[in-house]
Protein backbone atom coordinates (compact mmCIF):
# COMPACT_ATOMS: atom_id res chain seq x y z
CA MET A 1 0.23 -0.04 -0.05
CA LEU A 2 1.13 3.52 -1.32
CA ASP A 3 2.50 5.80 1.89
CA LEU A 4 -0.80 8.05 2.62
CA LYS A 5 1.86 11.08 2.34
CA LEU A 6 2.95 10.60 -0.87
CA ILE A 7 -0.31 10.19 -2.35
CA ARG A 8 -1.62 13.22 -0.83
CA GLU A 9 1.66 15.54 -1.24
CA GLN A 10 2.92 14.22 -4.94
CA THR A 11 -0.68 13.39 -6.55
CA GLU A 12 -0.25 14.38 -10.01
CA TRP A 13 3.63 13.00 -9.44
CA VAL A 14 1.98 9.00 -8.73
CA LYS A 15 -0.62 9.30 -11.41
CA ALA A 16 1.98 10.03 -14.02
CA GLN A 17 4.03 7.15 -12.79
CA ILE A 18 0.61 4.37 -12.53
CA ALA A 19 -0.50 5.68 -16.19
CA LYS A 20 2.76 3.77 -16.77
CA LEU A 21 1.65 0.56 -16.40
CA ASN A 22 -1.08 1.33 -18.85
CA THR A 23 -4.28 1.50 -15.98
CA THR A 24 -5.72 3.27 -13.26
CA ALA A 25 -6.26 3.58 -9.41
CA PRO A 26 -8.88 5.73 -7.52
CA ILE A 27 -5.84 8.67 -6.44
CA ASP A 28 -8.77 11.57 -6.54
CA GLU A 29 -11.27 9.54 -4.68
CA ILE A 30 -8.65 9.13 -1.96
CA VAL A 31 -7.33 12.63 -2.54
CA ALA A 32 -11.51 13.64 -1.56
CA ALA A 33 -11.19 11.10 1.26
CA ASP A 34 -8.41 11.56 2.64
CA VAL A 35 -9.43 15.54 2.57
CA GLU A 36 -13.19 14.75 4.26
CA ARG A 37 -10.68 11.91 6.92
CA ARG A 38 -8.78 14.61 7.70
CA ALA A 39 -11.68 17.43 8.10
CA LEU A 40 -14.04 15.25 10.66
CA LEU A 41 -11.30 14.49 12.90
CA ALA A 42 -10.12 17.93 13.40
CA GLU A 43 -13.64 18.44 13.85
CA ALA A 44 -14.39 15.86 16.48
CA GLU A 45 -10.75 17.32 17.79
CA ASN A 46 -12.33 20.87 18.26
CA LEU A 47 -15.56 19.50 19.69
CA LYS A 48 -14.08 17.32 22.45
CA ALA A 49 -11.15 19.58 23.24
CA GLU A 50 -14.52 21.69 24.12
CA ARG A 51 -16.05 18.97 25.57
CA ASN A 52 -12.34 18.96 28.54
CA ARG A 53 -12.75 23.01 28.78
CA VAL A 54 -16.44 23.43 30.08
CA SER A 55 -16.03 19.90 31.90
CA LYS A 56 -13.62 21.39 33.68
CA GLN A 57 -15.70 24.73 34.40
CA PHE A 58 -18.98 22.68 35.20
CA GLY A 59 -17.95 22.21 38.43
CA GLY A 60 -17.25 26.07 40.11
CA ILE A 61 -20.81 26.84 38.89
CA LYS A 62 -24.07 27.48 41.05
CA ASP A 63 -26.35 28.32 39.17
CA ASP A 64 -28.75 25.36 38.27
CA ALA A 65 -30.30 26.98 35.13
CA GLN A 66 -26.54 27.26 34.51
CA ARG A 67 -25.43 23.79 34.75
CA GLU A 68 -28.63 22.48 33.11
CA THR A 69 -27.83 25.03 29.95
CA MET A 70 -24.13 23.59 30.33
CA ARG A 71 -25.45 19.89 30.29
CA SER A 72 -27.83 20.31 27.32
CA GLN A 73 -24.84 21.88 25.37
CA MET A 74 -22.74 19.71 26.51
CA LYS A 75 -24.75 16.29 25.17
CA ILE A 76 -25.50 17.81 22.16
CA VAL A 77 -21.82 18.15 21.23
CA GLY A 78 -21.81 14.82 22.50
CA GLU A 79 -24.45 12.97 20.26
CA ARG A 80 -22.14 15.20 17.48
CA ILE A 81 -18.48 14.01 18.54
CA THR A 82 -20.57 10.12 18.16
CA ALA A 83 -21.20 11.30 14.84
CA LEU A 84 -18.23 12.43 13.60
CA ASP A 85 -16.48 9.49 14.31
CA GLU A 86 -19.39 6.96 12.88
CA ARG A 87 -18.06 9.17 9.86
CA THR A 88 -14.22 9.06 10.04
CA LYS A 89 -14.38 5.37 10.78
CA ALA A 90 -16.30 5.01 7.22
CA VAL A 91 -14.53 7.32 5.75
CA GLU A 92 -11.21 5.75 6.96
CA GLU A 93 -12.29 2.33 5.95
CA ARG A 94 -13.23 3.37 2.80
CA LEU A 95 -10.09 5.66 2.34
CA THR A 96 -8.23 2.10 2.42
CA ALA A 97 -10.30 0.22 0.09
CA LEU A 98 -9.45 2.36 -1.90
CA GLN A 99 -5.92 2.36 -2.05
CA LEU A 100 -5.39 -0.76 -2.11
CA GLU A 101 -6.48 -0.63 -5.54
CA VAL A 102 -3.80 1.30 -6.35
CA PRO A 103 -1.04 -0.92 -7.44
CA ASN A 104 2.69 0.13 -7.22
CA LEU A 105 5.07 2.41 -9.03
CA PRO A 106 7.30 1.31 -11.28
CA HIS A 107 11.48 2.05 -10.82
CA ALA A 108 12.93 3.81 -12.55
CA SER A 109 14.82 1.80 -15.14
CA VAL A 110 11.39 0.71 -16.12
CA PRO A 111 10.55 1.21 -19.63
CA VAL A 112 7.58 2.26 -20.61
CA GLY A 113 5.63 2.35 -23.08
CA PRO A 114 2.40 0.40 -24.34
CA ASP A 115 2.89 -3.40 -24.28
CA GLU A 116 5.96 -5.69 -23.91
CA SER A 117 7.55 -5.11 -26.73
CA HIS A 118 9.03 -1.91 -25.26
CA ASN A 119 11.15 -4.47 -22.95
CA ILE A 120 14.46 -4.00 -22.89
CA ILE A 121 16.78 -6.89 -24.22
CA HIS A 122 20.21 -7.18 -21.99
CA PRO A 123 22.59 -9.34 -23.75
CA ALA A 124 22.95 -12.96 -23.11
CA VAL A 125 25.78 -14.12 -20.56
CA GLY A 126 28.28 -16.74 -21.83
CA GLU A 127 27.25 -18.93 -24.51
CA GLN A 128 24.48 -20.46 -25.96
CA LYS A 129 25.05 -24.49 -25.57
CA THR A 130 25.16 -25.84 -28.73
CA PHE A 131 23.94 -29.19 -29.73
CA ASP A 132 25.29 -31.84 -32.82
CA PHE A 133 21.43 -32.86 -32.59
CA THR A 134 18.03 -31.42 -33.33
CA PRO A 135 16.93 -30.99 -29.59
CA LEU A 136 14.10 -31.93 -28.20
CA PRO A 137 11.04 -29.21 -26.26
CA HIS A 138 10.14 -30.80 -23.55
CA TRP A 139 6.69 -31.87 -24.55
CA GLU A 140 8.20 -34.41 -26.28
CA ILE A 141 11.49 -35.85 -24.68
CA GLY A 142 9.64 -36.16 -21.42
CA PRO A 143 7.19 -38.17 -22.23
CA ALA A 144 9.22 -39.55 -24.61
CA LEU A 145 11.17 -40.78 -21.76
CA GLY A 146 8.45 -41.65 -19.44
CA LEU A 147 9.48 -38.37 -16.90
CA MET A 148 5.66 -36.67 -18.11
CA ASP A 149 2.11 -37.23 -18.52
CA PHE A 150 0.06 -34.25 -20.82
CA GLU A 151 -3.18 -36.94 -21.21
CA ARG A 152 -3.86 -37.33 -18.11
CA GLY A 153 -3.10 -34.44 -16.72
CA ILE A 154 -5.42 -32.57 -18.43
CA LYS A 155 -8.04 -34.91 -17.54
CA ILE A 156 -7.20 -34.23 -13.81
CA HIS A 157 -5.77 -30.29 -13.91
CA GLY A 158 -7.44 -29.16 -17.42
CA ALA A 159 -5.71 -26.69 -20.52
CA ARG A 160 -1.79 -27.16 -19.72
CA GLY A 161 -1.90 -29.78 -16.77
CA TYR A 162 0.65 -31.92 -16.21
CA VAL A 163 1.56 -35.11 -14.15
CA LEU A 164 4.92 -35.60 -13.56
CA LYS A 165 6.50 -39.13 -12.45
CA GLY A 166 9.16 -41.79 -12.32
CA ALA A 167 12.42 -40.52 -12.43
CA GLY A 168 10.77 -36.79 -12.75
CA ALA A 169 8.19 -36.59 -9.97
CA ARG A 170 12.21 -37.60 -8.41
CA LEU A 171 13.87 -34.82 -9.94
CA GLU A 172 11.20 -32.17 -8.74
CA ARG A 173 11.63 -33.44 -5.33
CA ALA A 174 15.38 -33.25 -5.37
CA LEU A 175 15.53 -29.72 -6.96
CA ILE A 176 13.51 -28.44 -4.16
CA ALA A 177 15.34 -29.49 -1.59
CA TRP A 178 18.99 -28.80 -2.98
CA PHE A 179 17.40 -25.02 -3.18
CA LEU A 180 16.03 -25.00 0.00
CA ASP A 181 19.29 -26.78 1.72
CA LEU A 182 21.51 -24.37 -0.88
CA HIS A 183 20.05 -20.67 0.75
CA GLY A 184 20.21 -22.36 4.35
CA GLY A 185 23.37 -23.94 4.39
CA GLU A 186 24.85 -21.65 2.65
CA HIS A 187 23.45 -18.12 2.44
CA GLY A 188 22.05 -17.24 5.44
CA TYR A 189 17.94 -18.18 4.92
CA THR A 190 16.06 -19.70 7.42
CA GLU A 191 14.05 -22.03 5.80
CA VAL A 192 10.21 -21.86 7.06
CA LEU A 193 6.71 -23.81 6.23
CA PRO A 194 4.24 -21.37 6.23
CA PRO A 195 -0.38 -22.95 6.19
CA PHE A 196 -1.02 -23.53 2.75
CA LEU A 197 -4.34 -21.51 4.49
CA VAL A 198 -4.37 -17.80 5.47
CA LYS A 199 -7.44 -15.35 7.17
CA GLU A 200 -8.37 -12.62 4.95
CA GLU A 201 -5.43 -10.07 6.93
CA ALA A 202 -2.80 -11.94 5.66
CA ALA A 203 -3.88 -12.26 1.41
CA TYR A 204 -3.76 -8.13 2.19
CA CYS A 205 -0.52 -7.94 3.28
CA SER A 206 0.89 -10.07 1.41
CA ALA A 207 -1.23 -7.43 -1.48
CA HIS A 208 -3.63 -10.78 -3.08
CA LEU A 209 -6.34 -9.37 -1.31
CA PRO A 210 -8.34 -7.50 -3.48
CA LYS A 211 -7.05 -7.62 -6.44
CA PHE A 212 -6.48 -11.14 -7.42
CA ARG A 213 -10.31 -12.15 -5.18
CA ASP A 214 -11.89 -14.80 -8.08
CA THR A 215 -9.33 -16.27 -8.46
CA MET A 216 -8.24 -17.41 -5.31
CA TYR A 217 -9.42 -20.93 -3.35
CA TYR A 218 -11.64 -19.32 -0.82
CA ASP A 219 -13.06 -21.93 2.12
CA ALA A 220 -15.99 -21.20 3.05
CA GLU A 221 -16.44 -22.85 5.78
CA ASP A 222 -13.62 -21.33 8.18
CA ASN A 223 -13.29 -17.52 5.72
């Protein structure tokens, strides 16, 4: 989530950065909601300060009529404060929802263009390997060696589905183990096995929500 101060103080710059992504975000709505939120907070704080000031004076007033007038006035002030607090909460919830629709801004080095055709191709490192035979693509050599089963994978999963079997399954398991051992043992990483299912708040923190809500698996029973 972008810093609200950044959006508030550099509104047009933020809009320009988002435009580079060929997308849109509710920046104007965020600015308007922020203005409303701060106005509500300021009014509520002023009323609370007034209520505190009157409360300190209340004990020293002996006239019953004056005390009753002050009590009635403070009741109105209290009701207004309650209404302001409720309105502020609603605006803050809407503001948060709007901020979650704002994507991360691109790095200055990212090329600007309408599509991937404007991507910069970096020079390859090293020499490309050559063969004295015609190499086969994985979708041919995998089934031929008994490592992959595309037909069964499509029946189970649908398009692009595949099943690894035999040495193919062992190879993937070995690569995972090698990767974890390498980075855990030599590069200072700590291996973590988190839960497979997470609460909604965690999905917001990882930026999967709200954008990918329609493509995420959801357990309705346990939320």
